[in-house]
Protein backbone atom coordinates (compact mmCIF):
# COMPACT_ATOMS: atom_id res chain seq x y z
CA MET A 1 0.00 0.00 0.00
CA LYS A 2 1.28 3.47 -0.88
CA LYS A 3 2.23 5.89 1.84
CA PHE A 4 -0.27 8.75 1.78
CA VAL A 5 -1.28 11.88 3.70
CA VAL A 6 -4.64 13.63 3.80
CA MET A 7 -4.44 17.30 4.63
CA THR A 8 -6.95 20.15 4.88
CA ASP A 9 -7.24 23.65 6.32
CA SER A 10 -8.71 24.91 9.56
CA ALA A 11 -11.91 26.23 7.95
CA CYS A 12 -13.00 22.57 7.86
CA ASP A 13 -14.11 22.81 11.53
CA LEU A 14 -13.19 19.16 12.04
CA PRO A 15 -13.11 18.29 15.75
CA GLN A 16 -9.53 17.61 16.79
CA GLU A 17 -10.31 14.12 18.08
CA LEU A 18 -11.52 13.11 14.61
CA ALA A 19 -8.52 14.77 12.95
CA ASP A 20 -6.23 12.79 15.27
CA LYS A 21 -8.11 9.53 14.76
CA HIS A 22 -7.83 9.78 10.97
CA HIS A 23 -4.36 11.35 10.93
CA ILE A 24 -5.57 14.48 9.12
CA ASP A 25 -2.99 17.28 8.89
CA ILE A 26 -4.59 20.73 9.22
CA MET A 27 -3.09 23.93 7.83
CA CYS A 28 -4.23 26.79 10.06
CA PHE A 29 -5.51 30.21 9.08
CA LYS A 30 -4.23 33.41 10.67
CA ILE A 31 -6.71 35.75 12.34
CA ALA A 32 -6.19 39.41 13.27
CA LEU A 33 -8.45 41.04 15.86
CA ASP A 34 -8.05 44.35 17.67
CA GLY A 35 -4.45 44.71 16.58
CA GLU A 36 -3.38 41.22 17.65
CA GLY A 37 -2.44 38.33 15.40
CA TYR A 38 -3.48 34.75 16.13
CA THR A 39 -3.36 31.31 14.57
CA GLU A 40 -6.58 29.33 14.53
CA ARG A 41 -6.51 26.10 16.61
CA VAL A 42 -3.18 27.16 18.11
CA ASP A 43 -3.90 30.33 20.06
CA PHE A 44 -7.56 29.68 20.90
CA THR A 45 -10.38 27.19 20.61
CA SER A 46 -13.47 27.89 18.52
CA GLU A 47 -15.43 28.63 21.67
CA GLU A 48 -12.78 31.05 22.91
CA PHE A 49 -12.70 32.90 19.60
CA SER A 50 -16.47 33.43 19.63
CA GLU A 51 -16.15 35.04 23.05
CA MET A 52 -13.21 37.15 21.89
CA LEU A 53 -15.22 38.38 18.92
CA ARG A 54 -18.24 39.12 21.07
CA ASN A 55 -16.12 41.42 23.24
CA ALA A 56 -13.98 42.88 20.44
CA LYS A 57 -13.93 46.54 19.49
CA GLY A 58 -13.08 45.93 15.84
CA MET A 59 -13.77 43.39 13.13
CA PRO A 60 -11.66 40.26 12.50
CA THR A 61 -9.66 39.65 9.35
CA THR A 62 -8.47 36.26 8.15
CA SER A 63 -5.34 35.48 6.16
CA GLN A 64 -5.06 32.56 3.76
CA VAL A 65 -2.54 29.79 4.19
CA THR A 66 0.48 30.96 2.19
CA LYS A 67 2.30 29.33 -0.70
CA PHE A 68 5.43 29.19 1.46
CA GLU A 69 3.59 27.28 4.21
CA PHE A 70 2.30 24.76 1.68
CA PHE A 71 5.74 24.38 0.10
CA GLU A 72 7.30 23.68 3.51
CA GLN A 73 4.64 21.05 4.20
CA PHE A 74 5.12 19.37 0.82
CA GLU A 75 8.88 19.40 1.35
CA LYS A 76 8.42 17.76 4.74
CA TYR A 77 6.28 15.01 3.23
CA HIS A 78 8.86 14.44 0.49
CA GLN A 79 11.62 14.03 3.06
CA GLN A 80 9.45 11.56 5.01
CA GLY A 81 8.98 9.40 1.93
CA VAL A 82 5.27 10.15 1.43
CA GLU A 83 4.08 8.98 -1.99
CA GLN A 84 0.62 10.56 -2.22
CA VAL A 85 -0.70 13.83 -0.79
CA LEU A 86 -4.39 14.71 -0.90
CA TYR A 87 -5.31 18.27 0.07
CA ILE A 88 -9.05 18.96 0.48
CA CYS A 89 -9.46 22.71 0.36
CA ILE A 90 -11.82 25.48 1.47
CA ASN A 91 -13.99 26.91 -1.32
CA ALA A 92 -11.56 28.25 -3.91
CA THR A 93 -13.69 31.25 -4.90
CA GLY A 94 -13.88 32.44 -1.29
CA SER A 95 -10.22 32.11 -0.37
CA GLY A 96 -6.83 32.42 -2.05
CA THR A 97 -5.71 29.29 -0.23
CA TYR A 98 -6.47 27.02 -3.18
CA ALA A 99 -4.33 29.17 -5.49
CA ALA A 100 -1.55 29.25 -2.90
CA ALA A 101 -1.54 25.46 -2.74
CA GLN A 102 -1.43 25.21 -6.52
CA GLY A 103 1.48 27.65 -6.61
CA ALA A 104 3.32 25.61 -3.99
CA VAL A 105 2.88 22.46 -6.07
CA GLN A 106 4.45 24.16 -9.07
CA GLU A 107 7.32 25.47 -6.95
CA PHE A 108 7.84 22.04 -5.40
CA ARG A 109 8.05 20.47 -8.86
CA GLU A 110 10.67 23.00 -9.88
CA GLU A 111 12.69 22.48 -6.70
CA TYR A 112 12.38 18.67 -6.72
CA PRO A 113 11.99 17.65 -10.38
CA ASP A 114 12.85 14.02 -9.63
CA SER A 115 10.31 13.61 -6.82
CA LYS A 116 7.73 10.89 -7.43
CA MET A 117 5.38 12.27 -4.78
CA GLU A 118 1.90 12.86 -6.21
CA ILE A 119 -0.01 15.91 -4.93
CA THR A 120 -3.77 16.12 -5.53
CA ILE A 121 -5.83 19.17 -4.61
CA VAL A 122 -9.63 19.00 -4.39
CA ASP A 123 -11.76 22.14 -4.15
CA SER A 124 -14.62 21.47 -1.74
CA HIS A 125 -16.63 24.44 -3.05
CA SER A 126 -17.73 24.73 0.56
CA TYR A 127 -16.97 25.57 4.17
CA SER A 128 -16.91 23.97 7.60
CA ILE A 129 -17.81 20.39 8.40
CA THR A 130 -19.29 19.87 4.91
CA TYR A 131 -15.76 19.08 3.80
CA GLY A 132 -14.17 18.39 7.17
CA LEU A 133 -15.90 15.05 7.61
CA GLU A 134 -15.15 14.06 4.03
CA CYS A 135 -11.45 14.27 4.87
CA CYS A 136 -12.05 11.40 7.28
CA ARG A 137 -13.84 9.34 4.66
CA ALA A 138 -11.07 10.02 2.14
CA GLU A 139 -8.51 8.75 4.65
CA GLU A 140 -10.58 5.62 5.22
CA MET A 141 -10.85 4.94 1.50
CA LEU A 142 -7.11 5.36 0.96
CA SER A 143 -6.43 3.09 3.94
CA GLU A 144 -8.67 0.48 2.31
CA GLY A 145 -6.45 0.62 -0.76
CA LYS A 146 -8.81 2.60 -2.98
CA PRO A 147 -7.00 4.43 -5.82
CA MET A 148 -6.71 8.22 -5.59
CA GLU A 149 -8.87 8.65 -8.70
CA GLU A 150 -11.77 6.85 -7.00
CA VAL A 151 -11.38 8.95 -3.86
CA VAL A 152 -11.40 12.19 -5.86
CA GLU A 153 -14.47 11.07 -7.80
CA TYR A 154 -16.23 10.30 -4.51
CA LEU A 155 -15.30 13.71 -3.06
CA ASN A 156 -16.46 15.65 -6.11
CA ASP A 157 -19.78 13.81 -6.03
CA ARG A 158 -20.25 14.60 -2.34
CA PHE A 159 -19.32 18.26 -2.73
CA ALA A 160 -21.84 18.61 -5.55
CA ARG A 161 -24.56 17.65 -3.06
CA MET A 162 -23.64 19.35 0.22
CA GLU A 163 -25.38 22.56 1.30
CA LEU A 164 -25.08 24.92 4.25
CA VAL A 165 -27.78 27.20 5.65
CA LEU A 166 -27.27 29.66 8.48
CA THR A 167 -28.83 32.54 10.36
CA ALA A 168 -27.25 35.27 12.46
CA TYR A 169 -28.70 37.03 15.49
CA SER A 170 -26.49 40.08 15.04
CA LEU A 171 -25.72 41.56 11.62
CA LYS A 172 -22.71 43.67 12.54
CA VAL A 173 -20.09 41.21 11.30
CA ILE A 174 -22.11 40.10 8.27
CA ARG A 175 -22.46 43.75 7.25
CA LYS A 176 -18.68 44.13 7.32
CA SER A 177 -18.26 40.95 5.28
CA GLY A 178 -20.37 42.46 2.50
CA ARG A 179 -23.05 39.77 2.54
CA ILE A 180 -25.70 42.33 3.47
CA SER A 181 -25.80 46.11 3.07
CA ALA A 182 -25.08 48.44 5.97
CA ALA A 183 -28.55 49.96 5.82
CA ALA A 184 -30.24 46.55 5.76
CA ALA A 185 -28.10 45.33 8.64
CA ILE A 186 -28.89 48.33 10.85
CA ALA A 187 -32.60 48.12 10.05
CA GLY A 188 -32.53 44.37 10.63
CA ASP A 189 -30.95 44.71 14.05
CA LEU A 190 -33.42 47.42 15.07
CA LEU A 191 -36.45 45.49 13.87
CA GLY A 192 -35.27 42.04 14.96
CA ILE A 193 -35.11 40.75 11.40
CA ARG A 194 -33.12 37.54 11.01
CA PRO A 195 -31.87 36.71 7.51
CA ILE A 196 -31.50 33.08 6.49
CA PHE A 197 -28.54 32.51 4.17
CA THR A 198 -27.47 29.59 2.09
CA LEU A 199 -23.90 28.78 1.05
CA VAL A 200 -24.01 26.49 -1.95
CA ASP A 201 -21.01 25.96 -4.21
CA GLY A 202 -19.33 28.87 -2.46
CA VAL A 203 -22.12 31.35 -3.31
CA SER A 204 -24.00 33.05 -0.46
CA GLN A 205 -27.64 34.02 -0.92
CA VAL A 206 -30.30 35.43 1.39
CA VAL A 207 -33.25 33.07 0.91
CA LYS A 208 -35.57 34.43 3.59
CA LYS A 209 -35.92 37.25 6.13
CA VAL A 210 -37.85 36.55 9.31
CA ARG A 211 -38.79 38.81 12.18
CA GLY A 212 -38.28 37.45 15.68
CA ASP A 213 -36.10 34.79 17.26
CA LYS A 214 -38.82 32.16 17.49
CA ALA A 215 -39.98 32.61 13.91
CA VAL A 216 -36.48 32.26 12.51
CA VAL A 217 -36.00 28.82 14.08
CA THR A 218 -39.18 27.55 12.44
CA ALA A 219 -38.29 29.03 9.05
CA PHE A 220 -34.74 27.69 9.33
CA CYS A 221 -35.94 24.16 10.05
CA ASN A 222 -38.50 24.30 7.24
CA HIS A 223 -35.75 25.23 4.79
CA VAL A 224 -33.57 22.31 5.85
CA LYS A 225 -36.46 19.84 5.71
CA SER A 226 -37.54 20.97 2.23
CA HIS A 227 -34.05 20.95 0.72
CA MET A 228 -32.25 17.96 2.26
CA THR A 229 -32.39 14.47 0.84
CA PRO A 230 -34.74 12.48 3.12
CA GLY A 231 -33.05 9.98 5.39
CA THR A 232 -29.55 11.41 5.03
CA LYS A 233 -27.36 12.69 7.84
CA TYR A 234 -27.27 16.34 8.79
CA TYR A 235 -25.20 18.43 11.18
CA VAL A 236 -25.72 21.48 13.37
CA GLY A 237 -23.10 24.19 13.85
CA VAL A 238 -23.23 27.14 16.24
CA THR A 239 -21.02 30.03 17.28
CA ASN A 240 -22.96 30.43 20.52
CA PRO A 241 -23.54 27.36 22.71
CA GLU A 242 -26.91 28.79 23.78
CA TYR A 243 -28.32 27.73 20.41
CA ARG A 244 -27.17 24.12 20.49
CA GLU A 245 -30.17 22.49 22.15
CA GLU A 246 -32.75 24.83 20.62
CA TYR A 247 -31.75 24.10 17.04
CA ALA A 248 -31.01 20.42 17.61
CA GLU A 249 -34.43 19.88 19.18
CA ALA A 250 -36.27 21.93 16.56
CA LEU A 251 -34.56 20.12 13.67
CA THR A 252 -35.17 16.73 15.29
CA LYS A 253 -38.87 17.54 15.52
CA ALA A 254 -39.05 18.85 11.94
CA ILE A 255 -37.03 16.09 10.27
CA GLY A 256 -37.87 13.15 12.50
CA TYR A 257 -34.41 12.22 13.72
CA PRO A 258 -31.56 14.07 15.48
CA PRO A 259 -28.45 15.61 13.92
CA GLU A 260 -25.45 13.33 13.48
CA MET A 261 -23.21 15.87 15.21
CA ILE A 262 -23.29 19.32 16.78
CA ILE A 263 -20.13 21.36 16.34
CA HIS A 264 -18.89 24.79 17.30
CA LEU A 265 -18.14 26.69 14.09
CA GLY A 266 -14.53 27.80 13.75
CA SER A 267 -13.07 31.26 13.46
CA ALA A 268 -12.98 31.26 9.64
CA VAL A 269 -16.78 31.00 9.58
CA CYS A 270 -17.34 33.06 12.72
CA SER A 271 -15.26 35.93 11.29
CA ASN A 272 -17.84 36.32 8.53
CA THR A 273 -21.06 35.54 10.39
CA GLY A 274 -20.47 36.84 13.90
CA PRO A 275 -20.46 35.20 17.33
CA ASP A 276 -24.21 34.55 17.43
CA CYS A 277 -24.95 32.29 14.50
CA ALA A 278 -26.58 28.89 13.92
CA ALA A 279 -26.09 26.69 10.89
CA ALA A 280 -27.13 23.36 9.44
CA LEU A 281 -25.14 21.30 6.98
CA TYR A 282 -26.93 18.67 4.94
CA GLU A 283 -27.06 16.73 1.69
CA GLY A 284 -29.29 18.11 -1.06
CA GLN A 285 -29.86 17.22 -4.68
CA LYS A 286 -26.76 16.79 -6.84
CA ARG A 287 -25.88 19.90 -8.80
CA GLU A 288 -24.23 19.96 -12.21
CA ARG A 289 -21.11 22.11 -12.46
């Protein structure tokens, strides 16, 4: 069996125990907040970052994983005798990380022209656990001896089905991210309007606006139920632990069975949605690209 490595980036929101169990290497994003620089998963947990953001004076900024960081990682694998590298990446249209990884591959080939190490990069077209968990499945398939081509085909099929829907209880951060206008965000906060967004193939879209905290939970659950493939697994993500039970119970009632997992969304997502957000990740109908 070939020696292989599965790697991803910290926007995957994969719980560390699963990353350790499946030997997933995670490249971590840099976050700047109130004049201080941090590294996700190194300087704070997801829960700690949400609290930091809630108390922050300014807005966070994220920095992509650099070409140099990828090159160093590829060089390390080469020196260890790794034969196959699979990098499953954050949505390429929403981050320069994919391009940085591609640039590092080219630089590695120039620096080590005789290296036989194969490097495969797969764009997830997504965020968070929608691709985080697929890293684990990819590792399992490679461990079973499946060829890389079959693993990539599986991943592309999965990523053409996965969808993410979320709502935010404060629009301050979303306004800064550009996903909603300043005027709409201010009016929304004053009137208690909660937008429901989807993130599908890396494109964000407001699909509904609801007034009131109770109404948004119902509308959110109705969206998930009407768009997910019946009988498939789904997942809940939050940036505020207060929403965990409320959304898990409401989705269980609407769909008929509980979520497979409840996670705390990481800083890459939280930096664009704010510290008071709830999300669901589920399998929908396959989309043609």
